[in-house]
Amino acid sequence: MNSLEILIVDDCVPFCRTAARLVRRLGHKAEVAHRLAEARSRLALSPGFDIVLVDLKLPDGWGASLLDILGAATPKPIVVVVSGYLDAETALDIAGRCDLTVPKPLACPTILKLVETVTKLRARPLVGAWLRDRYRLSGQEIAVVETASGGKTIKATAAALQCRPCTVIGYWRRVFKKMGCHSQREVLAVVHARTESGGVPT
């Protein structure tokens, strides 16, 4: 599995300790910042974090101020807001500036699921690039595969991509030919294996 670098920005010491332990158990690297200033310093010194978990209410400021900094980063990390202050107004304010919002409090199994979810989110664009580079899949063909990997049927995929089901079937035929597969199940098995390995092309 490819090791990811994850920054946890939260003033709750028990949450940080648990999340960092689970991140490391999954084979990734974890750094922790308990204050806004500390988070900014870590991001300045090491801008290449793959995933950043951000609490909103920090001792020295509002964590949402980090979202624009993270949004301008290259490459852009997966940004997850984890907070007990996610009311409707706040959710609307940060919409489009983060990839996921998760309300607190979180039990240990939920923290584990969160870590697993965000690491897979990070792998998705890498898998798309791998499909493009290794199998020469077009953007629409990659979109068909990625949509199907989310459990959507051909009809639902067509609706998501705003095309007809027969067009989706045509894309799948080209995917089978390029990847040397005979079914959607075979293709999705390849994608799943790549996602689980961290999505890094070989």
Protein backbone atom coordinates (compact mmCIF):
# COMPACT_ATOMS: atom_id res chain seq x y z
CA MET A 1 0.00 0.00 0.00
CA ASN A 2 1.26 3.48 -0.85
CA SER A 3 1.86 5.49 2.33
CA LEU A 4 -0.13 8.73 2.57
CA GLU A 5 0.72 11.77 4.68
CA ILE A 6 -2.20 12.94 6.81
CA LEU A 7 -2.44 16.11 8.90
CA ILE A 8 -4.95 16.17 11.77
CA VAL A 9 -5.87 19.70 12.90
CA ASP A 10 -7.87 19.45 16.13
CA ASP A 11 -7.55 20.69 19.71
CA CYS A 12 -9.13 17.52 21.12
CA VAL A 13 -6.15 15.47 22.29
CA PRO A 14 -8.01 12.13 22.65
CA PHE A 15 -9.46 12.42 19.12
CA CYS A 16 -6.04 13.27 17.66
CA ARG A 17 -4.37 10.43 19.52
CA THR A 18 -6.97 7.89 18.34
CA ALA A 19 -7.09 9.13 14.75
CA ALA A 20 -3.27 9.23 14.47
CA ARG A 21 -2.99 5.71 15.86
CA LEU A 22 -5.53 4.38 13.35
CA VAL A 23 -3.85 6.22 10.47
CA ARG A 24 -0.51 4.63 11.35
CA ARG A 25 -2.11 1.22 11.83
CA LEU A 26 -3.29 1.45 8.20
CA GLY A 27 0.29 2.09 7.08
CA HIS A 28 0.13 5.88 6.65
CA LYS A 29 1.94 8.80 8.26
CA ALA A 30 0.16 11.13 10.68
CA GLU A 31 1.02 14.57 11.99
CA VAL A 32 -1.04 16.54 14.50
CA ALA A 33 -1.62 20.26 15.02
CA HIS A 34 -3.69 21.44 18.01
CA ARG A 35 -3.77 25.12 17.07
CA LEU A 36 -4.46 27.11 13.91
CA ALA A 37 -1.01 28.73 13.94
CA GLU A 38 0.63 25.33 14.31
CA ALA A 39 -1.38 23.98 11.36
CA ARG A 40 -0.36 26.92 9.17
CA SER A 41 3.28 26.39 10.13
CA ARG A 42 3.14 22.67 9.29
CA LEU A 43 1.45 23.38 5.95
CA ALA A 44 4.12 25.97 5.10
CA LEU A 45 6.97 23.60 5.96
CA SER A 46 5.41 20.51 4.38
CA PRO A 47 2.78 21.48 1.76
CA GLY A 48 2.50 17.96 0.33
CA PHE A 49 -0.07 16.43 2.69
CA ASP A 50 -2.40 14.00 0.93
CA ILE A 51 -5.27 14.37 3.41
CA VAL A 52 -6.07 17.05 6.00
CA LEU A 53 -8.68 16.64 8.76
CA VAL A 54 -9.78 20.05 10.07
CA ASP A 55 -11.72 20.94 13.20
CA LEU A 56 -13.57 24.26 12.95
CA LYS A 57 -13.27 25.67 16.46
CA LEU A 58 -9.62 25.93 17.48
CA PRO A 59 -8.13 27.80 20.47
CA ASP A 60 -6.61 30.55 18.32
CA GLY A 61 -9.09 30.86 15.47
CA TRP A 62 -11.62 29.39 13.06
CA GLY A 63 -10.39 26.28 11.27
CA ALA A 64 -12.37 27.12 8.13
CA SER A 65 -9.72 29.78 7.39
CA LEU A 66 -7.45 26.88 6.36
CA LEU A 67 -9.82 25.72 3.62
CA ASP A 68 -8.83 28.38 1.08
CA ILE A 69 -5.13 27.71 1.74
CA LEU A 70 -5.67 23.99 1.20
CA GLY A 71 -7.81 24.62 -1.89
CA ALA A 72 -4.95 26.57 -3.50
CA ALA A 73 -2.33 23.91 -2.71
CA THR A 74 -0.69 21.93 -5.50
CA PRO A 75 -1.39 19.08 -5.44
CA LYS A 76 -4.67 19.69 -3.64
CA PRO A 77 -5.19 17.40 -0.63
CA ILE A 78 -8.42 15.70 0.33
CA VAL A 79 -9.92 18.02 2.96
CA VAL A 80 -12.33 16.73 5.60
CA VAL A 81 -14.01 19.00 8.14
CA VAL A 82 -14.60 17.11 11.41
CA SER A 83 -16.39 19.28 13.94
CA GLY A 84 -19.10 19.56 16.54
CA TYR A 85 -20.07 22.95 15.11
CA LEU A 86 -21.57 21.85 11.80
CA ASP A 87 -24.90 23.66 11.80
CA ALA A 88 -26.76 24.41 8.56
CA GLU A 89 -25.26 27.89 8.14
CA THR A 90 -21.71 26.63 8.64
CA ALA A 91 -22.25 23.69 6.27
CA LEU A 92 -23.40 26.10 3.56
CA ASP A 93 -20.45 28.41 4.21
CA ILE A 94 -17.86 25.67 3.70
CA ALA A 95 -19.70 23.89 0.85
CA GLY A 96 -17.40 23.41 -2.11
CA ARG A 97 -14.31 24.14 -0.02
CA CYS A 98 -13.90 20.66 1.43
CA ASP A 99 -14.44 17.11 0.22
CA LEU A 100 -16.33 15.76 3.21
CA THR A 101 -17.96 16.99 6.42
CA VAL A 102 -18.31 14.77 9.49
CA PRO A 103 -20.06 15.88 12.71
CA LYS A 104 -18.63 15.11 16.13
CA PRO A 105 -18.61 13.31 18.50
CA LEU A 106 -17.10 10.21 16.86
CA ALA A 107 -16.77 6.77 18.39
CA CYS A 108 -13.60 4.78 17.66
CA PRO A 109 -15.21 2.56 14.94
CA THR A 110 -16.48 5.70 13.20
CA ILE A 111 -13.02 7.27 13.29
CA LEU A 112 -11.62 4.11 11.70
CA LYS A 113 -14.29 4.21 8.99
CA LEU A 114 -13.53 7.89 8.40
CA VAL A 115 -9.82 7.19 7.94
CA GLU A 116 -10.55 4.29 5.56
CA THR A 117 -13.02 6.43 3.57
CA VAL A 118 -10.69 9.40 3.07
CA THR A 119 -7.73 7.23 2.06
CA LYS A 120 -9.92 5.68 -0.65
CA LEU A 121 -11.07 9.15 -1.73
CA ARG A 122 -7.42 10.08 -2.20
CA ALA A 123 -6.81 6.96 -4.28
CA ARG A 124 -9.63 7.63 -6.78
CA PRO A 125 -7.96 10.34 -8.89
CA LEU A 126 -4.75 8.29 -8.93
CA VAL A 127 -6.69 5.27 -10.20
CA GLY A 128 -8.26 7.41 -12.92
CA ALA A 129 -4.82 8.56 -14.04
CA TRP A 130 -3.60 4.95 -13.97
CA LEU A 131 -6.51 3.81 -16.17
CA ARG A 132 -5.74 6.61 -18.60
CA ASP A 133 -2.00 6.00 -18.74
CA ARG A 134 -1.95 2.20 -18.70
CA TYR A 135 -5.04 1.37 -20.75
CA ARG A 136 -5.50 4.61 -22.72
CA LEU A 137 -9.06 5.01 -21.48
CA SER A 138 -10.78 8.24 -22.46
CA GLY A 139 -12.28 10.61 -19.92
CA GLN A 140 -15.80 9.31 -20.58
CA GLU A 141 -14.66 5.70 -20.34
CA ILE A 142 -12.99 6.43 -17.00
CA ALA A 143 -16.15 8.18 -15.81
CA VAL A 144 -18.22 5.10 -16.73
CA VAL A 145 -15.89 2.82 -14.77
CA GLU A 146 -15.74 5.13 -11.75
CA THR A 147 -19.52 5.56 -11.69
CA ALA A 148 -20.05 1.80 -11.89
CA SER A 149 -17.53 1.29 -9.07
CA GLY A 150 -19.94 3.27 -6.90
CA GLY A 151 -22.58 0.59 -7.48
CA LYS A 152 -24.62 2.34 -10.16
CA THR A 153 -26.42 0.37 -12.88
CA ILE A 154 -26.05 1.15 -16.59
CA LYS A 155 -29.27 3.16 -16.46
CA ALA A 156 -28.12 5.12 -13.40
CA THR A 157 -24.69 5.66 -14.98
CA ALA A 158 -26.36 7.04 -18.11
CA ALA A 159 -28.40 9.45 -16.00
CA ALA A 160 -25.30 10.56 -14.07
CA LEU A 161 -23.34 11.17 -17.29
CA GLN A 162 -26.35 12.65 -19.11
CA CYS A 163 -26.30 10.18 -21.99
CA ARG A 164 -28.34 7.21 -23.20
CA PRO A 165 -27.89 3.67 -21.81
CA CYS A 166 -26.84 2.42 -25.24
CA THR A 167 -24.00 4.98 -25.16
CA VAL A 168 -22.83 3.64 -21.80
CA ILE A 169 -22.90 0.09 -23.22
CA GLY A 170 -20.72 1.32 -26.09
CA TYR A 171 -18.24 2.81 -23.64
CA TRP A 172 -18.11 -0.48 -21.73
CA ARG A 173 -17.35 -2.41 -24.93
CA ARG A 174 -14.37 -0.15 -25.57
CA VAL A 175 -13.24 -0.50 -21.95
CA PHE A 176 -13.37 -4.32 -22.24
CA LYS A 177 -11.30 -4.22 -25.41
CA LYS A 178 -8.66 -1.85 -24.04
CA MET A 179 -8.32 -3.62 -20.69
CA GLY A 180 -8.58 -7.17 -21.99
CA CYS A 181 -11.55 -7.90 -19.75
CA HIS A 182 -14.80 -9.71 -20.54
CA SER A 183 -17.18 -8.23 -17.96
CA GLN A 184 -17.82 -5.27 -15.70
CA ARG A 185 -17.00 -7.50 -12.74
CA GLU A 186 -13.49 -8.12 -14.10
CA VAL A 187 -12.92 -4.41 -14.70
CA LEU A 188 -14.16 -3.42 -11.25
CA ALA A 189 -11.98 -6.10 -9.66
CA VAL A 190 -8.94 -4.49 -11.31
CA VAL A 191 -10.03 -1.04 -10.11
CA HIS A 192 -10.68 -2.31 -6.59
CA ALA A 193 -7.24 -3.93 -6.40
CA ARG A 194 -5.62 -0.69 -7.57
CA THR A 195 -7.61 1.38 -5.06
CA GLU A 196 -6.68 -0.93 -2.18
CA SER A 197 -3.00 -0.65 -3.12
CA GLY A 198 -3.17 3.13 -2.88
CA GLY A 199 -3.85 3.87 -6.54
CA VAL A 200 -0.25 4.22 -7.58
CA PRO A 201 0.51 3.31 -11.20
CA THR A 202 3.06 0.58 -11.86
